[in-house]
C-alpha atoms as a PDB file:
ATOM      1  CA  MET A   1      -8.525   2.429  -8.290  1.00  0.00           C
ATOM      2  CA  PHE A   2      -7.182  -0.832  -9.764  1.00  0.00           C
ATOM      3  CA  HIS A   3     -10.456  -2.653  -9.055  1.00  0.00           C
ATOM      4  CA  ILE A   4     -12.025  -0.724 -11.950  1.00  0.00           C
ATOM      5  CA  ALA A   5      -9.288  -1.959 -14.274  1.00  0.00           C
ATOM      6  CA  GLN A   6      -9.810  -5.548 -13.143  1.00  0.00           C
ATOM      7  CA  ASN A   7     -13.327  -5.366 -14.578  1.00  0.00           C
ATOM      8  CA  VAL A   8     -12.067  -4.288 -18.003  1.00  0.00           C
ATOM      9  CA  SER A   9     -12.548  -7.327 -20.211  1.00  0.00           C
ATOM     10  CA  ARG A  10     -10.028  -6.831 -22.997  1.00  0.00           C
ATOM     11  CA  GLU A  11      -6.339  -5.986 -22.809  1.00  0.00           C
ATOM     12  CA  HIS A  12      -6.751  -3.043 -25.210  1.00  0.00           C
ATOM     13  CA  HIS A  13      -9.345  -1.471 -22.919  1.00  0.00           C
ATOM     14  CA  ALA A  14      -7.149  -2.096 -19.869  1.00  0.00           C
ATOM     15  CA  GLU A  15      -4.282  -0.292 -21.596  1.00  0.00           C
ATOM     16  CA  LEU A  16      -6.541   2.681 -22.401  1.00  0.00           C
ATOM     17  CA  TYR A  17      -7.794   2.804 -18.816  1.00  0.00           C
ATOM     18  CA  GLN A  18      -4.277   2.699 -17.331  1.00  0.00           C
ATOM     19  CA  GLU A  19      -3.039   5.395 -19.733  1.00  0.00           C
ATOM     20  CA  TRP A  20      -6.011   7.570 -18.708  1.00  0.00           C
ATOM     21  CA  ARG A  21      -5.251   6.961 -15.020  1.00  0.00           C
ATOM     22  CA  ALA A  22      -1.545   7.832 -15.351  1.00  0.00           C
ATOM     23  CA  THR A  23      -2.238  10.903 -17.497  1.00  0.00           C
ATOM     24  CA  ASN A  24      -4.785  12.250 -15.022  1.00  0.00           C
ATOM     25  CA  ALA A  25      -2.361  11.698 -12.148  1.00  0.00           C
ATOM     26  CA  ARG A  26       0.337  13.651 -14.006  1.00  0.00           C
ATOM     27  CA  ILE A  27      -2.117  16.504 -14.695  1.00  0.00           C
ATOM     28  CA  MET A  28      -3.173  16.612 -11.027  1.00  0.00           C
ATOM     29  CA  ALA A  29       0.457  16.606  -9.881  1.00  0.00           C
ATOM     30  CA  ALA A  30       1.253  19.544 -12.175  1.00  0.00           C
ATOM     31  CA  ARG A  31      -1.409  21.768 -10.583  1.00  0.00           C
ATOM     32  CA  ASP A  32      -0.472  24.662  -8.335  1.00  0.00           C
ATOM     33  CA  LYS A  33       1.603  22.872  -5.694  1.00  0.00           C
ATOM     34  CA  SER A  34       1.106  25.466  -2.952  1.00  0.00           C
ATOM     35  CA  PHE A  35      -2.686  25.311  -3.371  1.00  0.00           C
ATOM     36  CA  THR A  36      -2.638  21.520  -3.442  1.00  0.00           C
ATOM     37  CA  ARG A  37      -0.345  21.309  -0.392  1.00  0.00           C
ATOM     38  CA  THR A  38      -2.596  23.680   1.596  1.00  0.00           C
ATOM     39  CA  ALA A  39      -5.714  21.669   0.756  1.00  0.00           C
ATOM     40  CA  LEU A  40      -3.957  18.393   1.554  1.00  0.00           C
ATOM     41  CA  ARG A  41      -2.635  19.670   4.885  1.00  0.00           C
ATOM     42  CA  LYS A  42      -6.184  19.859   6.294  1.00  0.00           C
ATOM     43  CA  VAL A  43      -7.018  16.372   5.059  1.00  0.00           C
ATOM     44  CA  ILE A  44      -3.751  14.975   6.447  1.00  0.00           C
ATOM     45  CA  GLN A  45      -4.353  16.557   9.857  1.00  0.00           C
ATOM     46  CA  GLY A  46      -7.863  15.113  10.111  1.00  0.00           C
ATOM     47  CA  TYR A  47      -6.855  11.677   8.868  1.00  0.00           C
ATOM     48  CA  SER A  48      -3.807  11.577  11.156  1.00  0.00           C
ATOM     49  CA  LEU A  49      -5.916  12.456  14.191  1.00  0.00           C
ATOM     50  CA  ASP A  50      -8.401   9.683  13.380  1.00  0.00           C
ATOM     51  CA  LEU A  51      -5.581   7.207  12.746  1.00  0.00           C
ATOM     52  CA  LYS A  52      -3.804   8.199  15.966  1.00  0.00           C
ATOM     53  CA  GLN A  53      -6.967   7.561  17.976  1.00  0.00           C
ATOM     54  CA  ASP A  54      -7.319   4.120  16.387  1.00  0.00           C
ATOM     55  CA  LEU A  55      -3.645   3.247  16.991  1.00  0.00           C
ATOM     56  CA  GLU A  56      -3.385   4.485  20.591  1.00  0.00           C
ATOM     57  CA  GLN A  57      -5.120   1.392  21.911  1.00  0.00           C
ATOM     58  CA  PHE A  58      -2.213  -0.703  20.600  1.00  0.00           C
ATOM     59  CA  ALA A  59       0.669   1.655  21.421  1.00  0.00           C
ATOM     60  CA  ALA A  60       2.991   0.997  24.334  1.00  0.00           C
ATOM     61  CA  ASN A  61       4.077   4.679  24.410  1.00  0.00           C
ATOM     62  CA  ASP A  62       2.382   8.032  23.924  1.00  0.00           C
ATOM     63  CA  LEU A  63       2.259   8.485  20.147  1.00  0.00           C
ATOM     64  CA  ASP A  64       2.780  12.237  20.474  1.00  0.00           C
ATOM     65  CA  LYS A  65       6.162  11.754  22.178  1.00  0.00           C
ATOM     66  CA  THR A  66       7.485   8.716  20.289  1.00  0.00           C
ATOM     67  CA  LYS A  67      10.270   9.238  17.759  1.00  0.00           C
ATOM     68  CA  SER A  68       9.584   7.598  14.440  1.00  0.00           C
ATOM     69  CA  PRO A  69      11.857   4.715  13.401  1.00  0.00           C
ATOM     70  CA  PHE A  70      11.431   5.735   9.755  1.00  0.00           C
ATOM     71  CA  LYS A  71      13.758   7.605   7.412  1.00  0.00           C
ATOM     72  CA  GLY A  72      15.043  11.091   8.065  1.00  0.00           C
ATOM     73  CA  ASP A  73      13.473  13.415  10.562  1.00  0.00           C
ATOM     74  CA  LYS A  74       9.868  12.276  10.063  1.00  0.00           C
ATOM     75  CA  THR A  75       8.706  12.102  13.651  1.00  0.00           C
ATOM     76  CA  THR A  76       4.956  12.638  13.544  1.00  0.00           C
ATOM     77  CA  LEU A  77       2.072  10.655  12.159  1.00  0.00           C
ATOM     78  CA  GLU A  78       1.219  13.656   9.964  1.00  0.00           C
ATOM     79  CA  ASP A  79       4.724  13.510   8.442  1.00  0.00           C
ATOM     80  CA  LEU A  80       4.300   9.788   7.765  1.00  0.00           C
ATOM     81  CA  VAL A  81       0.877  10.252   6.148  1.00  0.00           C
ATOM     82  CA  GLY A  82       2.298  13.103   4.046  1.00  0.00           C
ATOM     83  CA  GLU A  83       5.152  10.858   2.873  1.00  0.00           C
ATOM     84  CA  ALA A  84       2.637   8.135   1.963  1.00  0.00           C
ATOM     85  CA  ILE A  85       0.645  10.626  -0.112  1.00  0.00           C
ATOM     86  CA  ASP A  86       3.823  11.807  -1.852  1.00  0.00           C
ATOM     87  CA  LEU A  87       4.682   8.188  -2.710  1.00  0.00           C
ATOM     88  CA  ASP A  88       1.170   7.600  -4.020  1.00  0.00           C
ATOM     89  CA  VAL A  89       1.441  10.656  -6.268  1.00  0.00           C
ATOM     90  CA  ILE A  90       4.636   9.227  -7.783  1.00  0.00           C
ATOM     91  CA  LEU A  91       3.206   5.715  -8.222  1.00  0.00           C
ATOM     92  CA  GLN A  92      -0.047   6.929  -9.789  1.00  0.00           C
ATOM     93  CA  GLN A  93       1.839   8.818 -12.502  1.00  0.00           C
ATOM     94  CA  GLN A  94       3.528   5.652 -13.749  1.00  0.00           C
ATOM     95  CA  ARG A  95       2.155   3.566 -16.625  1.00  0.00           C
ATOM     96  CA  PRO A  96       2.327   0.308 -14.679  1.00  0.00           C
ATOM     97  CA  CYS A  97      -0.299  -0.028 -11.978  1.00  0.00           C
ATOM     98  CA  PHE A  98       1.028  -0.537  -8.446  1.00  0.00           C
ATOM     99  CA  GLN A  99      -1.050  -2.122  -5.688  1.00  0.00           C
ATOM    100  CA  PHE A 100      -0.309  -2.732  -2.034  1.00  0.00           C
ATOM    101  CA  TYR A 101      -1.483  -6.081  -0.737  1.00  0.00           C
ATOM    102  CA  PRO A 102      -3.026  -7.921   0.901  1.00  0.00           C
ATOM    103  CA  CYS A 103      -6.311  -6.082   0.451  1.00  0.00           C
ATOM    104  CA  LEU A 104      -8.571  -7.181   3.249  1.00  0.00           C
ATOM    105  CA  PRO A 105     -12.352  -6.827   3.290  1.00  0.00           C
ATOM    106  CA  GLN A 106     -13.670  -4.280   5.764  1.00  0.00           C
ATOM    107  CA  ASN A 107     -15.990  -5.226   8.621  1.00  0.00           C
ATOM    108  CA  THR A 108     -15.737  -8.944   7.934  1.00  0.00           C
ATOM    109  CA  GLU A 109     -13.549 -11.693   9.277  1.00  0.00           C
ATOM    110  CA  TRP A 110     -10.715 -12.582   6.973  1.00  0.00           C
ATOM    111  CA  ASN A 111      -8.960 -15.859   6.468  1.00  0.00           C
ATOM    112  CA  LEU A 112      -5.635 -14.914   4.911  1.00  0.00           C
ATOM    113  CA  ARG A 113      -3.279 -17.826   4.193  1.00  0.00           C
ATOM    114  CA  PHE A 114       0.492 -17.627   3.858  1.00  0.00           C
ATOM    115  CA  SER A 115       1.819 -17.718   0.296  1.00  0.00           C
ATOM    116  CA  GLU A 116       5.575 -18.023  -0.219  1.00  0.00           C
ATOM    117  CA  ASN A 117       5.316 -16.189  -3.558  1.00  0.00           C
ATOM    118  CA  ALA A 118       3.908 -13.041  -1.965  1.00  0.00           C
ATOM    119  CA  MET A 119       4.842 -13.145   1.735  1.00  0.00           C
ATOM    120  CA  GLU A 120       7.761 -13.621   4.076  1.00  0.00           C
ATOM    121  CA  VAL A 121       8.121 -14.163   7.795  1.00  0.00           C
ATOM    122  CA  PRO A 122      10.931 -12.128   9.402  1.00  0.00           C
ATOM    123  CA  ASN A 123      13.507 -14.147  11.302  1.00  0.00           C
ATOM    124  CA  ASP A 124      12.275 -17.402   9.763  1.00  0.00           C
ATOM    125  CA  ASP A 125      14.939 -20.111   9.732  1.00  0.00           C
ATOM    126  CA  GLY A 126      13.348 -21.780   6.687  1.00  0.00           C
ATOM    127  CA  GLU A 127      12.986 -25.178   8.334  1.00  0.00           C
ATOM    128  CA  GLU A 128       9.216 -25.087   8.909  1.00  0.00           C
ATOM    129  CA  ILE A 129       6.638 -25.319   6.138  1.00  0.00           C
ATOM    130  CA  LEU A 130       4.684 -22.089   6.227  1.00  0.00           C
ATOM    131  CA  GLU A 131       2.647 -22.422   3.019  1.00  0.00           C
ATOM    132  CA  GLY A 132      -1.081 -22.456   3.801  1.00  0.00           C
ATOM    133  CA  ARG A 133      -0.804 -21.382   7.435  1.00  0.00           C
ATOM    134  CA  GLN A 134      -3.186 -18.697   8.606  1.00  0.00           C
ATOM    135  CA  VAL A 135      -1.691 -15.217   8.788  1.00  0.00           C
ATOM    136  CA  ARG A 136      -1.973 -13.857  12.319  1.00  0.00           C
ATOM    137  CA  LEU A 137      -0.602 -10.354  11.729  1.00  0.00           C
ATOM    138  CA  ILE A 138       0.437  -8.270   8.728  1.00  0.00           C
ATOM    139  CA  LEU A 139       3.631  -6.479   9.759  1.00  0.00           C
ATOM    140  CA  ALA A 140       4.156  -4.625   6.467  1.00  0.00           C
ATOM    141  CA  PRO A 141       2.208  -4.784   3.210  1.00  0.00           C
ATOM    142  CA  GLY A 142       3.668  -6.051  -0.029  1.00  0.00           C
ATOM    143  CA  LEU A 143       3.703  -4.281  -3.388  1.00  0.00           C
ATOM    144  CA  TYR A 144       2.594  -5.676  -6.761  1.00  0.00           C
ATOM    145  CA  LYS A 145       3.184  -4.162 -10.177  1.00  0.00           C
ATOM    146  CA  TYR A 146       0.744  -4.862 -13.012  1.00  0.00           C
ATOM    147  CA  GLY A 147       1.881  -4.100 -16.558  1.00  0.00           C
ATOM    148  CA  ASN A 148       5.135  -2.688 -17.843  1.00  0.00           C
ATOM    149  CA  SER A 149       6.663   0.728 -18.481  1.00  0.00           C
ATOM    150  CA  ALA A 150       5.345   0.708 -22.051  1.00  0.00           C
ATOM    151  CA  GLY A 151       1.772   0.539 -20.762  1.00  0.00           C
ATOM    152  CA  ARG A 152       1.177  -3.069 -21.814  1.00  0.00           C
ATOM    153  CA  ASN A 153       0.605  -6.533 -20.294  1.00  0.00           C
ATOM    154  CA  TYR A 154      -1.613  -5.568 -17.362  1.00  0.00           C
ATOM    155  CA  GLU A 155      -2.597  -9.204 -16.896  1.00  0.00           C
ATOM    156  CA  GLN A 156       0.966  -9.913 -15.725  1.00  0.00           C
ATOM    157  CA  ARG A 157       1.750  -9.337 -12.062  1.00  0.00           C
ATOM    158  CA  CYS A 158       5.201  -8.852 -10.599  1.00  0.00           C
ATOM    159  CA  THR A 159       5.919  -8.918  -6.867  1.00  0.00           C
ATOM    160  CA  ILE A 160       8.065  -5.869  -6.121  1.00  0.00           C
ATOM    161  CA  LEU A 161       8.070  -6.376  -2.351  1.00  0.00           C
ATOM    162  CA  LYS A 162       6.785  -9.345  -0.379  1.00  0.00           C
ATOM    163  CA  ALA A 163       4.421  -8.674   2.519  1.00  0.00           C
ATOM    164  CA  SER A 164       5.975  -9.241   5.939  1.00  0.00           C
ATOM    165  CA  VAL A 165       3.640 -11.338   8.092  1.00  0.00           C
ATOM    166  CA  ASP A 166       3.427 -13.480  11.196  1.00  0.00           C
ATOM    167  CA  VAL A 167       1.663 -16.831  10.952  1.00  0.00           C
ATOM    168  CA  MET A 168      -0.202 -19.129  13.325  1.00  0.00           C
ATOM    169  CA  GLY A 169       1.670 -22.110  14.739  1.00  0.00           C
ATOM    170  CA  THR A 170      -0.136 -24.843  12.792  1.00  0.00           C
ATOM    171  CA  ILE A 171      -1.967 -25.209   9.500  1.00  0.00           C
END
């Protein structure tokens, strides 16, 4: 949804757009929760099945029998997708605009380069220069915040969480 806001030319219009977005998200969240949950359950089941089929080719274990390493008792892909939707509902109701990154183009080759401002490599000893190296694998996305809680300054970006990535050996 943020790509629409990026095309808004003036800050005043960006503020109006973001206020509209947050207000609509709050209205949608206030709807009949049992009706919404029932409708979402079907979407979550279908999406989870499609996602599971895509992920099985990379999985070392049967995804149906694997315990989730994530919080609480969330053990199925459907639970994880449901939690992601719940988080999105919360984020969309806020005045600042939140965006996961990196956003990669679909059906094209991508050439993502490491940026120390927005990415980190787990278990990095800090001795090698990583800036500019090609990203081999995105382990976990990062999170940006545009704007502030007053609904202003959408041209300013704040890195809430750096993306966790693995990089190629040389630049």
